Amino acid sequence: MTEEKSYKKLKIITIILSVFLLISISYIILDKYFQVQQREQFIAYQQGYNEGYAQAIIQIVQQASTCQQVPLIVGNSTMNIIAVNCLK
């Protein structure tokens, strides 16, 4: 009888530990999945930012190369730039 009780206790403990193991593994997998998703979103955001920055610089250079003043506004400051070649 005691051997049977001991076997049942062992079986219950094994089931409980198996459930905890499955929950832990599921949590780790979901956590890693969300990390990958966040990393991909950040990379896309960073690439978009860099592309926008590059396009803005290209636009400024193209406009300045036509010998027109290009107003640059940063906060409360405004600066007009023009290509040096146009000053000759």
Protein backbone atom coordinates (compact mmCIF):
# COMPACT_ATOMS: atom_id res chain seq x y z
CA MET A 1 0.00 0.00 0.00
CA THR A 2 2.76 2.49 0.84
CA GLU A 3 4.57 1.57 -2.30
CA GLU A 4 1.43 2.35 -4.29
CA LYS A 5 1.06 5.76 -2.55
CA SER A 6 4.70 6.50 -3.18
CA TYR A 7 4.26 5.63 -6.85
CA LYS A 8 1.19 7.92 -7.13
CA LYS A 9 3.07 10.79 -5.48
CA LEU A 10 5.97 10.30 -7.86
CA LYS A 11 3.60 10.20 -10.81
CA ILE A 12 1.87 13.44 -9.69
CA ILE A 13 5.20 15.18 -9.15
CA THR A 14 6.37 14.05 -12.58
CA ILE A 15 3.21 15.39 -14.21
CA ILE A 16 3.49 18.72 -12.37
CA LEU A 17 7.14 19.11 -13.34
CA SER A 18 6.34 18.21 -16.96
CA VAL A 19 3.63 20.88 -17.06
CA PHE A 20 6.03 23.47 -15.61
CA LEU A 21 8.65 22.45 -18.16
CA LEU A 22 6.19 22.87 -21.04
CA ILE A 23 5.09 26.25 -19.73
CA SER A 24 8.71 27.38 -19.39
CA ILE A 25 9.64 26.21 -22.87
CA SER A 26 6.56 27.93 -24.33
CA TYR A 27 7.43 31.16 -22.56
CA ILE A 28 11.03 31.08 -23.83
CA ILE A 29 9.92 30.40 -27.40
CA LEU A 30 7.38 33.24 -27.34
CA ASP A 31 9.91 35.61 -25.80
CA LYS A 32 12.50 34.83 -28.49
CA TYR A 33 9.85 35.21 -31.21
CA PHE A 34 8.87 38.67 -29.96
CA GLN A 35 12.54 39.67 -29.70
CA VAL A 36 13.07 38.74 -33.34
CA GLN A 37 9.94 40.69 -34.34
CA GLN A 38 11.14 43.77 -32.43
CA ARG A 39 14.61 43.52 -33.95
CA GLU A 40 13.16 43.33 -37.47
CA GLN A 41 10.93 46.35 -36.81
CA PHE A 42 13.87 48.33 -35.42
CA ILE A 43 16.04 47.47 -38.43
CA ALA A 44 13.26 48.55 -40.81
CA TYR A 45 12.81 51.79 -38.87
CA GLN A 46 16.55 52.45 -38.88
CA GLN A 47 16.83 51.78 -42.62
CA GLY A 48 13.92 54.14 -43.28
CA TYR A 49 15.52 56.83 -41.14
CA ASN A 50 18.86 56.47 -42.92
CA GLU A 51 17.19 56.54 -46.35
CA GLY A 52 15.22 59.67 -45.44
CA TYR A 53 18.36 61.35 -44.14
CA ALA A 54 20.25 60.53 -47.33
CA GLN A 55 17.39 61.77 -49.52
CA ALA A 56 17.24 65.06 -47.60
CA ILE A 57 20.99 65.64 -48.11
CA ILE A 58 20.71 64.78 -51.81
CA GLN A 59 17.83 67.25 -52.20
CA ILE A 60 19.79 70.02 -50.48
CA VAL A 61 22.86 69.41 -52.66
CA GLN A 62 20.79 69.29 -55.85
CA GLN A 63 18.95 72.50 -55.01
CA ALA A 64 22.15 74.29 -53.95
CA SER A 65 23.91 73.25 -57.16
CA THR A 66 21.36 75.27 -59.18
CA CYS A 67 22.87 78.42 -57.63
CA GLN A 68 19.79 79.08 -55.53
CA GLN A 69 19.82 79.69 -51.82
CA VAL A 70 18.61 76.75 -49.79
CA PRO A 71 17.05 77.66 -46.45
CA LEU A 72 17.88 75.26 -43.62
CA ILE A 73 15.75 75.61 -40.52
CA VAL A 74 16.79 74.01 -37.23
CA GLY A 75 14.65 74.91 -34.27
CA ASN A 76 14.50 78.71 -34.17
CA SER A 77 17.56 79.18 -36.40
CA THR A 78 17.48 79.62 -40.17
CA MET A 79 20.53 79.45 -42.39
CA ASN A 80 20.65 79.97 -46.14
CA ILE A 81 23.29 77.99 -48.00
CA ILE A 82 24.51 78.19 -51.56
CA ALA A 83 27.09 76.20 -53.49
CA VAL A 84 30.60 77.71 -53.39
CA ASN A 85 30.92 77.24 -57.16
CA CYS A 86 28.05 79.72 -57.63
CA LEU A 87 29.94 82.51 -55.85
CA LYS A 88 32.59 82.84 -58.60
